[in-house]
PDB file of all heavy atoms in Angstrom:
ATOM      1  N   LEU A   1      14.009  19.591  -0.491  1.00  0.00           N
ATOM      2  CA  LEU A   1      13.350  20.881  -0.341  1.00  0.00           C
ATOM      3  C   LEU A   1      12.940  21.403  -1.705  1.00  0.00           C
ATOM      4  O   LEU A   1      13.755  21.425  -2.629  1.00  0.00           O
ATOM      5  CB  LEU A   1      14.284  21.885   0.336  1.00  0.00           C
ATOM      6  CG  LEU A   1      14.800  21.509   1.723  1.00  0.00           C
ATOM      7  CD1 LEU A   1      15.775  22.556   2.234  1.00  0.00           C
ATOM      8  CD2 LEU A   1      13.644  21.344   2.701  1.00  0.00           C
ATOM      9  N   ALA A   2      11.699  21.824  -1.804  1.00  0.00           N
ATOM     10  CA  ALA A   2      11.188  22.373  -3.056  1.00  0.00           C
ATOM     11  C   ALA A   2      10.707  23.794  -2.808  1.00  0.00           C
ATOM     12  O   ALA A   2       9.795  24.010  -2.020  1.00  0.00           O
ATOM     13  CB  ALA A   2      10.047  21.511  -3.582  1.00  0.00           C
ATOM     14  N   GLU A   3      11.345  24.741  -3.462  1.00  0.00           N
ATOM     15  CA  GLU A   3      10.981  26.149  -3.316  1.00  0.00           C
ATOM     16  C   GLU A   3      10.081  26.567  -4.470  1.00  0.00           C
ATOM     17  O   GLU A   3      10.208  26.063  -5.586  1.00  0.00           O
ATOM     18  CB  GLU A   3      12.231  27.014  -3.309  1.00  0.00           C
ATOM     19  CG  GLU A   3      13.163  26.724  -2.147  1.00  0.00           C
ATOM     20  CD  GLU A   3      14.612  26.888  -2.508  1.00  0.00           C
ATOM     21  OE1 GLU A   3      14.936  26.659  -3.695  1.00  0.00           O
ATOM     22  OE2 GLU A   3      15.426  27.206  -1.626  1.00  0.00           O
ATOM     23  N   SER A   4       9.225  27.512  -4.201  1.00  0.00           N
ATOM     24  CA  SER A   4       8.380  28.070  -5.246  1.00  0.00           C
ATOM     25  C   SER A   4       8.091  29.526  -4.921  1.00  0.00           C
ATOM     26  O   SER A   4       8.268  29.979  -3.796  1.00  0.00           O
ATOM     27  CB  SER A   4       7.079  27.279  -5.373  1.00  0.00           C
ATOM     28  OG  SER A   4       6.351  27.334  -4.161  1.00  0.00           O
ATOM     29  N   GLY A   5       7.619  30.232  -5.922  1.00  0.00           N
ATOM     30  CA  GLY A   5       7.364  31.653  -5.762  1.00  0.00           C
ATOM     31  C   GLY A   5       8.549  32.454  -6.245  1.00  0.00           C
ATOM     32  O   GLY A   5       9.366  31.980  -7.020  1.00  0.00           O
ATOM     33  N   GLY A   6       8.674  33.665  -5.773  1.00  0.00           N
ATOM     34  CA  GLY A   6       9.742  34.538  -6.236  1.00  0.00           C
ATOM     35  C   GLY A   6       9.346  35.216  -7.535  1.00  0.00           C
ATOM     36  O   GLY A   6       8.198  35.196  -7.940  1.00  0.00           O
ATOM     37  N   GLY A   7      10.307  35.830  -8.184  1.00  0.00           N
ATOM     38  CA  GLY A   7      10.046  36.538  -9.424  1.00  0.00           C
ATOM     39  C   GLY A   7      10.496  37.984  -9.336  1.00  0.00           C
ATOM     40  O   GLY A   7      11.385  38.320  -8.553  1.00  0.00           O
ATOM     41  N   SER A   8       9.851  38.820 -10.131  1.00  0.00           N
ATOM     42  CA  SER A   8      10.235  40.230 -10.210  1.00  0.00           C
ATOM     43  C   SER A   8       9.094  41.119  -9.727  1.00  0.00           C
ATOM     44  O   SER A   8       7.924  40.828  -9.979  1.00  0.00           O
ATOM     45  CB  SER A   8      10.593  40.595 -11.648  1.00  0.00           C
ATOM     46  OG  SER A   8      11.696  39.841 -12.094  1.00  0.00           O
ATOM     47  N   VAL A   9       9.462  42.198  -9.078  1.00  0.00           N
ATOM     48  CA  VAL A   9       8.469  43.135  -8.553  1.00  0.00           C
ATOM     49  C   VAL A   9       9.085  44.522  -8.479  1.00  0.00           C
ATOM     50  O   VAL A   9      10.313  44.657  -8.383  1.00  0.00           O
ATOM     51  CB  VAL A   9       7.984  42.669  -7.161  1.00  0.00           C
ATOM     52  CG1 VAL A   9       9.102  42.770  -6.137  1.00  0.00           C
ATOM     53  CG2 VAL A   9       6.741  43.420  -6.725  1.00  0.00           C
ATOM     54  N   ASP A  10       8.269  45.533  -8.542  1.00  0.00           N
ATOM     55  CA  ASP A  10       8.749  46.904  -8.375  1.00  0.00           C
ATOM     56  C   ASP A  10       8.968  47.198  -6.893  1.00  0.00           C
ATOM     57  O   ASP A  10       8.340  46.594  -6.019  1.00  0.00           O
ATOM     58  CB  ASP A  10       7.756  47.907  -8.939  1.00  0.00           C
ATOM     59  CG  ASP A  10       7.649  47.821 -10.447  1.00  0.00           C
ATOM     60  OD1 ASP A  10       8.636  47.398 -11.100  1.00  0.00           O
ATOM     61  OD2 ASP A  10       6.590  48.185 -10.986  1.00  0.00           O
ATOM     62  N   ALA A  11       9.843  48.136  -6.633  1.00  0.00           N
ATOM     63  CA  ALA A  11      10.106  48.541  -5.254  1.00  0.00           C
ATOM     64  C   ALA A  11       8.803  48.943  -4.570  1.00  0.00           C
ATOM     65  O   ALA A  11       7.948  49.605  -5.168  1.00  0.00           O
ATOM     66  CB  ALA A  11      11.092  49.701  -5.226  1.00  0.00           C
ATOM     67  N   GLY A  12       8.658  48.506  -3.333  1.00  0.00           N
ATOM     68  CA  GLY A  12       7.438  48.769  -2.583  1.00  0.00           C
ATOM     69  C   GLY A  12       6.417  47.664  -2.672  1.00  0.00           C
ATOM     70  O   GLY A  12       5.447  47.633  -1.902  1.00  0.00           O
ATOM     71  N   GLY A  13       6.652  46.739  -3.587  1.00  0.00           N
ATOM     72  CA  GLY A  13       5.719  45.633  -3.765  1.00  0.00           C
ATOM     73  C   GLY A  13       5.983  44.493  -2.803  1.00  0.00           C
ATOM     74  O   GLY A  13       6.844  44.573  -1.916  1.00  0.00           O
ATOM     75  N   SER A  14       5.215  43.423  -2.985  1.00  0.00           N
ATOM     76  CA  SER A  14       5.306  42.258  -2.113  1.00  0.00           C
ATOM     77  C   SER A  14       5.456  40.987  -2.929  1.00  0.00           C
ATOM     78  O   SER A  14       4.994  40.910  -4.069  1.00  0.00           O
ATOM     79  CB  SER A  14       4.050  42.148  -1.246  1.00  0.00           C
ATOM     80  OG  SER A  14       3.895  43.261  -0.403  1.00  0.00           O
ATOM     81  N   LEU A  15       6.091  40.013  -2.321  1.00  0.00           N
ATOM     82  CA  LEU A  15       6.216  38.691  -2.910  1.00  0.00           C
ATOM     83  C   LEU A  15       6.148  37.664  -1.787  1.00  0.00           C
ATOM     84  O   LEU A  15       6.474  37.968  -0.640  1.00  0.00           O
ATOM     85  CB  LEU A  15       7.546  38.524  -3.647  1.00  0.00           C
ATOM     86  CG  LEU A  15       7.690  39.107  -5.040  1.00  0.00           C
ATOM     87  CD1 LEU A  15       9.132  38.939  -5.534  1.00  0.00           C
ATOM     88  CD2 LEU A  15       6.732  38.460  -6.013  1.00  0.00           C
ATOM     89  N   ARG A  16       5.760  36.462  -2.154  1.00  0.00           N
ATOM     90  CA  ARG A  16       5.765  35.377  -1.197  1.00  0.00           C
ATOM     91  C   ARG A  16       6.468  34.184  -1.815  1.00  0.00           C
ATOM     92  O   ARG A  16       6.193  33.813  -2.964  1.00  0.00           O
ATOM     93  CB  ARG A  16       4.338  34.991  -0.781  1.00  0.00           C
ATOM     94  CG  ARG A  16       4.326  33.961   0.331  1.00  0.00           C
ATOM     95  CD  ARG A  16       2.945  33.739   0.859  1.00  0.00           C
ATOM     96  NE  ARG A  16       2.071  33.100  -0.107  1.00  0.00           N
ATOM     97  CZ  ARG A  16       0.823  32.748   0.155  1.00  0.00           C
ATOM     98  NH1 ARG A  16       0.300  33.002   1.357  1.00  0.00           N
ATOM     99  NH2 ARG A  16       0.090  32.165  -0.757  1.00  0.00           N
ATOM    100  N   ILE A  17       7.360  33.596  -1.070  1.00  0.00           N
ATOM    101  CA  ILE A  17       8.041  32.390  -1.512  1.00  0.00           C
ATOM    102  C   ILE A  17       7.758  31.289  -0.508  1.00  0.00           C
ATOM    103  O   ILE A  17       7.514  31.554   0.684  1.00  0.00           O
ATOM    104  CB  ILE A  17       9.561  32.599  -1.688  1.00  0.00           C
ATOM    105  CG1 ILE A  17      10.192  33.172  -0.419  1.00  0.00           C
ATOM    106  CG2 ILE A  17       9.832  33.498  -2.876  1.00  0.00           C
ATOM    107  CD1 ILE A  17      11.712  33.372  -0.552  1.00  0.00           C
ATOM    108  N   SER A  18       7.744  30.067  -0.980  1.00  0.00           N
ATOM    109  CA  SER A  18       7.424  28.944  -0.113  1.00  0.00           C
ATOM    110  C   SER A  18       8.430  27.826  -0.284  1.00  0.00           C
ATOM    111  O   SER A  18       9.112  27.727  -1.310  1.00  0.00           O
ATOM    112  CB  SER A  18       6.016  28.439  -0.407  1.00  0.00           C
ATOM    113  OG  SER A  18       5.937  27.949  -1.728  1.00  0.00           O
ATOM    114  N   CYS A  19       8.480  27.001   0.729  1.00  0.00           N
ATOM    115  CA  CYS A  19       9.388  25.862   0.731  1.00  0.00           C
ATOM    116  C   CYS A  19       8.661  24.677   1.332  1.00  0.00           C
ATOM    117  O   CYS A  19       8.040  24.798   2.398  1.00  0.00           O
ATOM    118  CB  CYS A  19      10.634  26.189   1.547  1.00  0.00           C
ATOM    119  SG  CYS A  19      11.817  24.836   1.673  1.00  0.00           S
ATOM    120  N   ALA A  20       8.750  23.562   0.662  1.00  0.00           N
ATOM    121  CA  ALA A  20       8.132  22.339   1.158  1.00  0.00           C
ATOM    122  C   ALA A  20       9.207  21.280   1.340  1.00  0.00           C
ATOM    123  O   ALA A  20       9.987  21.026   0.413  1.00  0.00           O
ATOM    124  CB  ALA A  20       7.073  21.849   0.184  1.00  0.00           C
ATOM    125  N   ALA A  21       9.239  20.695   2.512  1.00  0.00           N
ATOM    126  CA  ALA A  21      10.204  19.643   2.808  1.00  0.00           C
ATOM    127  C   ALA A  21       9.540  18.277   2.694  1.00  0.00           C
ATOM    128  O   ALA A  21       8.406  18.098   3.122  1.00  0.00           O
ATOM    129  CB  ALA A  21      10.780  19.838   4.206  1.00  0.00           C
ATOM    130  N   SER A  22      10.257  17.344   2.134  1.00  0.00           N
ATOM    131  CA  SER A  22       9.748  15.987   2.017  1.00  0.00           C
ATOM    132  C   SER A  22      10.874  15.004   2.291  1.00  0.00           C
ATOM    133  O   SER A  22      12.044  15.368   2.297  1.00  0.00           O
ATOM    134  CB  SER A  22       9.147  15.745   0.632  1.00  0.00           C
ATOM    135  OG  SER A  22      10.130  15.915  -0.367  1.00  0.00           O
ATOM    136  N   GLY A  23      10.493  13.766   2.503  1.00  0.00           N
ATOM    137  CA  GLY A  23      11.491  12.756   2.804  1.00  0.00           C
ATOM    138  C   GLY A  23      11.495  12.413   4.283  1.00  0.00           C
ATOM    139  O   GLY A  23      10.470  12.387   4.924  1.00  0.00           O
ATOM    140  N   GLN A  24      12.655  12.217   4.837  1.00  0.00           N
ATOM    141  CA  GLN A  24      12.792  11.753   6.216  1.00  0.00           C
ATOM    142  C   GLN A  24      12.808  12.915   7.198  1.00  0.00           C
ATOM    143  O   GLN A  24      13.813  13.176   7.870  1.00  0.00           O
ATOM    144  CB  GLN A  24      14.052  10.902   6.344  1.00  0.00           C
ATOM    145  CG  GLN A  24      14.011   9.647   5.477  1.00  0.00           C
ATOM    146  CD  GLN A  24      15.312   8.862   5.541  1.00  0.00           C
ATOM    147  OE1 GLN A  24      16.388   9.425   5.719  1.00  0.00           O
ATOM    148  NE2 GLN A  24      15.212   7.562   5.397  1.00  0.00           N
ATOM    149  N   THR A  25      11.664  13.589   7.288  1.00  0.00           N
ATOM    150  CA  THR A  25      11.555  14.707   8.221  1.00  0.00           C
ATOM    151  C   THR A  25      11.069  14.211   9.571  1.00  0.00           C
ATOM    152  O   THR A  25      10.269  13.273   9.649  1.00  0.00           O
ATOM    153  CB  THR A  25      10.592  15.774   7.704  1.00  0.00           C
ATOM    154  OG1 THR A  25       9.298  15.189   7.527  1.00  0.00           O
ATOM    155  CG2 THR A  25      11.062  16.336   6.369  1.00  0.00           C
ATOM    156  N   LEU A  26      11.548  14.848  10.626  1.00  0.00           N
ATOM    157  CA  LEU A  26      11.109  14.523  11.974  1.00  0.00           C
ATOM    158  C   LEU A  26      10.057  15.521  12.416  1.00  0.00           C
ATOM    159  O   LEU A  26       9.813  16.525  11.739  1.00  0.00           O
ATOM    160  CB  LEU A  26      12.309  14.555  12.927  1.00  0.00           C
ATOM    161  CG  LEU A  26      13.465  13.612  12.567  1.00  0.00           C
ATOM    162  CD1 LEU A  26      14.610  13.799  13.558  1.00  0.00           C
ATOM    163  CD2 LEU A  26      12.990  12.173  12.529  1.00  0.00           C
TER     164      LEU A  26
END
C-alpha cells in the first residue's frame, strides 16, 4: 500500500489523501 497526500491545513480547509494497492490483489 502506498499512501500520498496529507500535510498541514488551517481549520475549515480541505485535504485529500490517496492509497494505491499493488501486488496480489483480487
